[in-house]
Amino acid sequence: MRVELFSHLKRAAGSGTVEVRVEGEMPLKEALKLLPEGVRELVIDEYGSIRSGLLVLVNGVDARTVYNYRVTVRDNDVVSIVPMIHGGSTASAEIRPGG
């Protein structure tokens, strides 16, 4: 399975793409546990759950929203993991009288 990584995950892996060998079919969470050390800890928490703040797509479909992470993956699937980074300036949200 090809895993596409973005932002700090890409830096942790040293590459934007990691190959994970999946024999047959396995649950997404189990497949993500096969990620290289250093990346795995950023994706999977100490309880074996996918960390919050990550958008995980399986073949372009949001795995959390559509499948509640209960989806199986195969060796030819593409999983994309995108950190949901929030930011902005509080000054831009400032409300000014009369304007």
N, C-alpha and C. Protein backbone atom coordinates (compact mmCIF):
# COMPACT_ATOMS: atom_id res chain seq x y z
N MET A 1 0.86 -1.15 0.00
CA MET A 1 0.00 0.00 0.00
C MET A 1 0.91 1.22 0.00
N ARG A 2 0.53 2.20 -0.80
CA ARG A 2 1.31 3.44 -0.84
C ARG A 2 0.68 4.43 0.15
N VAL A 3 1.50 4.99 1.01
CA VAL A 3 1.03 5.97 1.98
C VAL A 3 1.66 7.31 1.62
N GLU A 4 0.81 8.28 1.31
CA GLU A 4 1.26 9.62 1.00
C GLU A 4 1.22 10.44 2.28
N LEU A 5 2.32 11.12 2.58
CA LEU A 5 2.45 11.88 3.82
C LEU A 5 2.65 13.35 3.50
N PHE A 6 2.12 14.20 4.36
CA PHE A 6 2.21 15.63 4.16
C PHE A 6 2.70 16.31 5.43
N SER A 7 3.23 17.52 5.27
CA SER A 7 3.65 18.39 6.36
C SER A 7 4.69 17.70 7.26
N HIS A 8 4.50 17.74 8.57
CA HIS A 8 5.48 17.19 9.50
C HIS A 8 5.62 15.67 9.37
N LEU A 9 4.60 15.00 8.86
CA LEU A 9 4.70 13.54 8.66
C LEU A 9 5.71 13.24 7.55
N LYS A 10 5.68 14.06 6.51
CA LYS A 10 6.63 13.92 5.40
C LYS A 10 8.06 14.14 5.91
N ARG A 11 8.24 15.16 6.74
CA ARG A 11 9.57 15.42 7.29
C ARG A 11 10.03 14.26 8.18
N ALA A 12 9.14 13.71 8.97
CA ALA A 12 9.49 12.60 9.86
C ALA A 12 9.92 11.36 9.08
N ALA A 13 9.28 11.14 7.93
CA ALA A 13 9.59 9.96 7.10
C ALA A 13 10.80 10.21 6.21
N GLY A 14 11.10 11.48 5.97
CA GLY A 14 12.18 11.80 5.04
C GLY A 14 11.77 11.66 3.60
N SER A 15 10.45 11.48 3.38
CA SER A 15 9.91 11.30 2.04
C SER A 15 8.41 11.55 2.09
N GLY A 16 7.86 11.92 0.96
CA GLY A 16 6.42 12.14 0.88
C GLY A 16 5.63 10.87 0.68
N THR A 17 6.32 9.76 0.41
CA THR A 17 5.64 8.50 0.16
C THR A 17 6.36 7.36 0.88
N VAL A 18 5.58 6.49 1.50
CA VAL A 18 6.11 5.31 2.18
C VAL A 18 5.34 4.11 1.65
N GLU A 19 6.04 3.03 1.38
CA GLU A 19 5.39 1.78 0.96
C GLU A 19 5.23 0.88 2.17
N VAL A 20 4.02 0.36 2.35
CA VAL A 20 3.72 -0.58 3.44
C VAL A 20 3.18 -1.84 2.80
N ARG A 21 3.78 -2.97 3.09
CA ARG A 21 3.36 -4.25 2.51
C ARG A 21 2.16 -4.80 3.26
N VAL A 22 1.05 -4.96 2.56
CA VAL A 22 -0.17 -5.50 3.14
C VAL A 22 -0.44 -6.85 2.48
N GLU A 23 -0.47 -7.88 3.29
CA GLU A 23 -0.78 -9.22 2.78
C GLU A 23 -2.28 -9.40 2.74
N GLY A 24 -2.81 -9.59 1.56
CA GLY A 24 -4.26 -9.78 1.41
C GLY A 24 -5.00 -8.50 1.72
N GLU A 25 -5.76 -8.54 2.80
CA GLU A 25 -6.61 -7.42 3.20
C GLU A 25 -6.52 -7.28 4.71
N MET A 26 -6.43 -6.04 5.19
CA MET A 26 -6.39 -5.84 6.64
C MET A 26 -7.06 -4.52 7.01
N PRO A 27 -7.50 -4.41 8.26
CA PRO A 27 -8.11 -3.16 8.70
C PRO A 27 -7.12 -2.00 8.59
N LEU A 28 -7.63 -0.83 8.25
CA LEU A 28 -6.79 0.36 8.09
C LEU A 28 -5.91 0.59 9.30
N LYS A 29 -6.49 0.56 10.49
CA LYS A 29 -5.71 0.85 11.70
C LYS A 29 -4.55 -0.12 11.86
N GLU A 30 -4.76 -1.38 11.53
CA GLU A 30 -3.68 -2.38 11.63
C GLU A 30 -2.60 -2.10 10.59
N ALA A 31 -3.00 -1.71 9.40
CA ALA A 31 -2.03 -1.39 8.35
C ALA A 31 -1.20 -0.18 8.73
N LEU A 32 -1.81 0.82 9.36
CA LEU A 32 -1.07 2.01 9.77
C LEU A 32 -0.07 1.71 10.88
N LYS A 33 -0.29 0.66 11.62
CA LYS A 33 0.68 0.25 12.64
C LYS A 33 1.97 -0.28 12.02
N LEU A 34 1.95 -0.54 10.71
CA LEU A 34 3.13 -1.01 10.00
C LEU A 34 3.99 0.13 9.46
N LEU A 35 3.55 1.37 9.69
CA LEU A 35 4.34 2.52 9.26
C LEU A 35 5.69 2.52 9.98
N PRO A 36 6.70 3.11 9.38
CA PRO A 36 8.01 3.16 10.03
C PRO A 36 7.94 3.90 11.37
N GLU A 37 8.75 3.45 12.30
CA GLU A 37 8.84 4.11 13.60
C GLU A 37 9.19 5.58 13.36
N GLY A 38 8.66 6.45 14.15
CA GLY A 38 8.87 7.88 13.95
C GLY A 38 7.69 8.51 13.24
N VAL A 39 7.14 7.80 12.29
CA VAL A 39 5.92 8.24 11.61
C VAL A 39 4.73 7.61 12.31
N ARG A 40 4.86 6.33 12.61
CA ARG A 40 3.77 5.59 13.27
C ARG A 40 3.29 6.30 14.53
N GLU A 41 4.23 6.78 15.36
CA GLU A 41 3.87 7.44 16.61
C GLU A 41 3.13 8.75 16.38
N LEU A 42 3.32 9.36 15.23
CA LEU A 42 2.62 10.59 14.90
C LEU A 42 1.21 10.34 14.36
N VAL A 43 0.97 9.09 13.94
CA VAL A 43 -0.32 8.73 13.34
C VAL A 43 -1.18 7.91 14.30
N ILE A 44 -0.57 6.98 15.01
CA ILE A 44 -1.28 6.07 15.92
C ILE A 44 -0.92 6.42 17.36
N ASP A 45 -1.94 6.56 18.22
CA ASP A 45 -1.65 6.89 19.62
C ASP A 45 -1.34 5.64 20.43
N GLU A 46 -1.10 5.82 21.72
CA GLU A 46 -0.71 4.71 22.60
C GLU A 46 -1.83 3.69 22.80
N TYR A 47 -3.06 4.03 22.40
CA TYR A 47 -4.19 3.10 22.52
C TYR A 47 -4.50 2.39 21.21
N GLY A 48 -3.71 2.66 20.17
CA GLY A 48 -3.93 2.02 18.88
C GLY A 48 -4.94 2.74 18.01
N SER A 49 -5.32 3.96 18.40
CA SER A 49 -6.28 4.74 17.62
C SER A 49 -5.56 5.74 16.74
N ILE A 50 -6.22 6.15 15.67
CA ILE A 50 -5.67 7.18 14.81
C ILE A 50 -5.79 8.51 15.54
N ARG A 51 -4.70 9.24 15.59
CA ARG A 51 -4.67 10.50 16.32
C ARG A 51 -5.64 11.51 15.71
N SER A 52 -6.21 12.34 16.57
CA SER A 52 -7.09 13.40 16.08
C SER A 52 -6.24 14.43 15.35
N GLY A 53 -6.87 15.21 14.53
CA GLY A 53 -6.16 16.23 13.79
C GLY A 53 -5.56 15.76 12.49
N LEU A 54 -5.88 14.53 12.10
CA LEU A 54 -5.38 13.99 10.84
C LEU A 54 -6.54 13.68 9.91
N LEU A 55 -6.41 14.05 8.67
CA LEU A 55 -7.35 13.65 7.63
C LEU A 55 -6.74 12.43 6.96
N VAL A 56 -7.42 11.29 7.03
CA VAL A 56 -6.92 10.05 6.44
C VAL A 56 -7.86 9.67 5.30
N LEU A 57 -7.28 9.61 4.11
CA LEU A 57 -8.04 9.24 2.92
C LEU A 57 -7.60 7.87 2.44
N VAL A 58 -8.56 7.04 2.07
CA VAL A 58 -8.26 5.75 1.44
C VAL A 58 -8.79 5.84 0.02
N ASN A 59 -7.87 5.82 -0.92
CA ASN A 59 -8.22 5.98 -2.33
C ASN A 59 -9.07 7.23 -2.56
N GLY A 60 -8.70 8.31 -1.85
CA GLY A 60 -9.37 9.59 -2.02
C GLY A 60 -10.65 9.78 -1.22
N VAL A 61 -11.03 8.81 -0.41
CA VAL A 61 -12.26 8.89 0.38
C VAL A 61 -11.91 9.06 1.85
N ASP A 62 -12.56 10.01 2.51
CA ASP A 62 -12.31 10.29 3.93
C ASP A 62 -12.68 9.07 4.77
N ALA A 63 -11.66 8.43 5.34
CA ALA A 63 -11.87 7.18 6.08
C ALA A 63 -12.66 7.38 7.36
N ARG A 64 -12.55 8.53 7.99
CA ARG A 64 -13.28 8.76 9.24
C ARG A 64 -14.74 9.06 8.97
N THR A 65 -15.00 10.01 8.08
CA THR A 65 -16.37 10.44 7.82
C THR A 65 -17.20 9.34 7.15
N VAL A 66 -16.64 8.68 6.17
CA VAL A 66 -17.40 7.69 5.41
C VAL A 66 -17.43 6.32 6.08
N TYR A 67 -16.28 5.89 6.64
CA TYR A 67 -16.18 4.53 7.17
C TYR A 67 -16.01 4.45 8.69
N ASN A 68 -15.91 5.61 9.38
CA ASN A 68 -15.59 5.62 10.80
C ASN A 68 -14.32 4.79 11.07
N TYR A 69 -13.38 4.88 10.13
CA TYR A 69 -12.10 4.15 10.15
C TYR A 69 -12.27 2.64 10.06
N ARG A 70 -13.48 2.15 9.85
CA ARG A 70 -13.70 0.71 9.72
C ARG A 70 -13.69 0.33 8.25
N VAL A 71 -12.50 0.35 7.69
CA VAL A 71 -12.31 0.05 6.28
C VAL A 71 -11.07 -0.84 6.16
N THR A 72 -11.11 -1.76 5.23
CA THR A 72 -9.95 -2.60 5.00
C THR A 72 -9.16 -2.04 3.82
N VAL A 73 -7.88 -2.32 3.83
CA VAL A 73 -7.00 -1.88 2.75
C VAL A 73 -6.27 -3.09 2.17
N ARG A 74 -5.86 -2.90 0.93
CA ARG A 74 -5.10 -3.93 0.21
C ARG A 74 -3.77 -3.32 -0.25
N ASP A 75 -2.91 -4.15 -0.74
CA ASP A 75 -1.58 -3.71 -1.14
C ASP A 75 -1.60 -2.64 -2.24
N ASN A 76 -2.60 -2.65 -3.09
CA ASN A 76 -2.64 -1.69 -4.21
C ASN A 76 -3.40 -0.40 -3.87
N ASP A 77 -3.81 -0.22 -2.62
CA ASP A 77 -4.52 0.99 -2.21
C ASP A 77 -3.56 2.14 -1.94
N VAL A 78 -4.11 3.35 -1.98
CA VAL A 78 -3.35 4.56 -1.65
C VAL A 78 -4.01 5.21 -0.44
N VAL A 79 -3.22 5.40 0.60
CA VAL A 79 -3.68 6.07 1.81
C VAL A 79 -2.95 7.40 1.90
N SER A 80 -3.69 8.47 2.05
CA SER A 80 -3.10 9.80 2.20
C SER A 80 -3.39 10.29 3.61
N ILE A 81 -2.35 10.80 4.28
CA ILE A 81 -2.51 11.29 5.64
C ILE A 81 -2.09 12.76 5.66
N VAL A 82 -3.07 13.60 5.95
CA VAL A 82 -2.86 15.05 5.90
C VAL A 82 -3.16 15.64 7.27
N PRO A 83 -2.16 16.25 7.92
CA PRO A 83 -2.45 16.95 9.17
C PRO A 83 -3.37 18.13 8.89
N MET A 84 -4.38 18.30 9.73
CA MET A 84 -5.29 19.44 9.58
C MET A 84 -4.73 20.57 10.41
N ILE A 85 -4.03 21.46 9.74
CA ILE A 85 -3.35 22.56 10.41
C ILE A 85 -4.26 23.77 10.38
N HIS A 86 -4.45 24.36 11.54
CA HIS A 86 -5.28 25.54 11.65
C HIS A 86 -4.40 26.73 12.00
N GLY A 87 -4.76 27.85 11.51
CA GLY A 87 -3.95 29.02 11.82
C GLY A 87 -4.71 30.28 11.46
N GLY A 88 -4.02 31.37 11.53
CA GLY A 88 -4.63 32.64 11.19
C GLY A 88 -4.29 33.66 12.24
N SER A 89 -4.68 34.84 12.00
CA SER A 89 -4.36 35.94 12.90
C SER A 89 -5.64 36.40 13.60
N THR A 90 -5.52 36.65 14.88
CA THR A 90 -6.68 37.16 15.60
C THR A 90 -6.99 38.58 15.17
N ALA A 91 -5.99 39.28 14.65
CA ALA A 91 -6.20 40.65 14.19
C ALA A 91 -7.15 40.69 12.99
N SER A 92 -7.10 39.65 12.15
CA SER A 92 -7.97 39.63 10.97
C SER A 92 -9.42 39.40 11.35
N ALA A 93 -9.65 38.84 12.53
CA ALA A 93 -11.02 38.56 12.97
C ALA A 93 -11.57 39.67 13.86
N GLU A 94 -10.75 40.67 14.07
CA GLU A 94 -11.14 41.77 14.96
C GLU A 94 -12.32 42.55 14.37
N ILE A 95 -13.32 42.82 15.18
CA ILE A 95 -14.48 43.60 14.74
C ILE A 95 -14.29 45.02 15.20
N ARG A 96 -14.40 45.92 14.28
CA ARG A 96 -14.21 47.35 14.61
C ARG A 96 -15.54 48.08 14.46
N PRO A 97 -15.82 48.95 15.38
CA PRO A 97 -17.06 49.72 15.30
C PRO A 97 -17.13 50.53 13.99
N GLY A 98 -18.28 50.48 13.35
CA GLY A 98 -18.50 51.26 12.14
C GLY A 98 -17.82 50.70 10.92
N GLY A 99 -17.27 49.51 10.98
CA GLY A 99 -16.56 49.05 9.82
C GLY A 99 -16.77 47.66 9.57
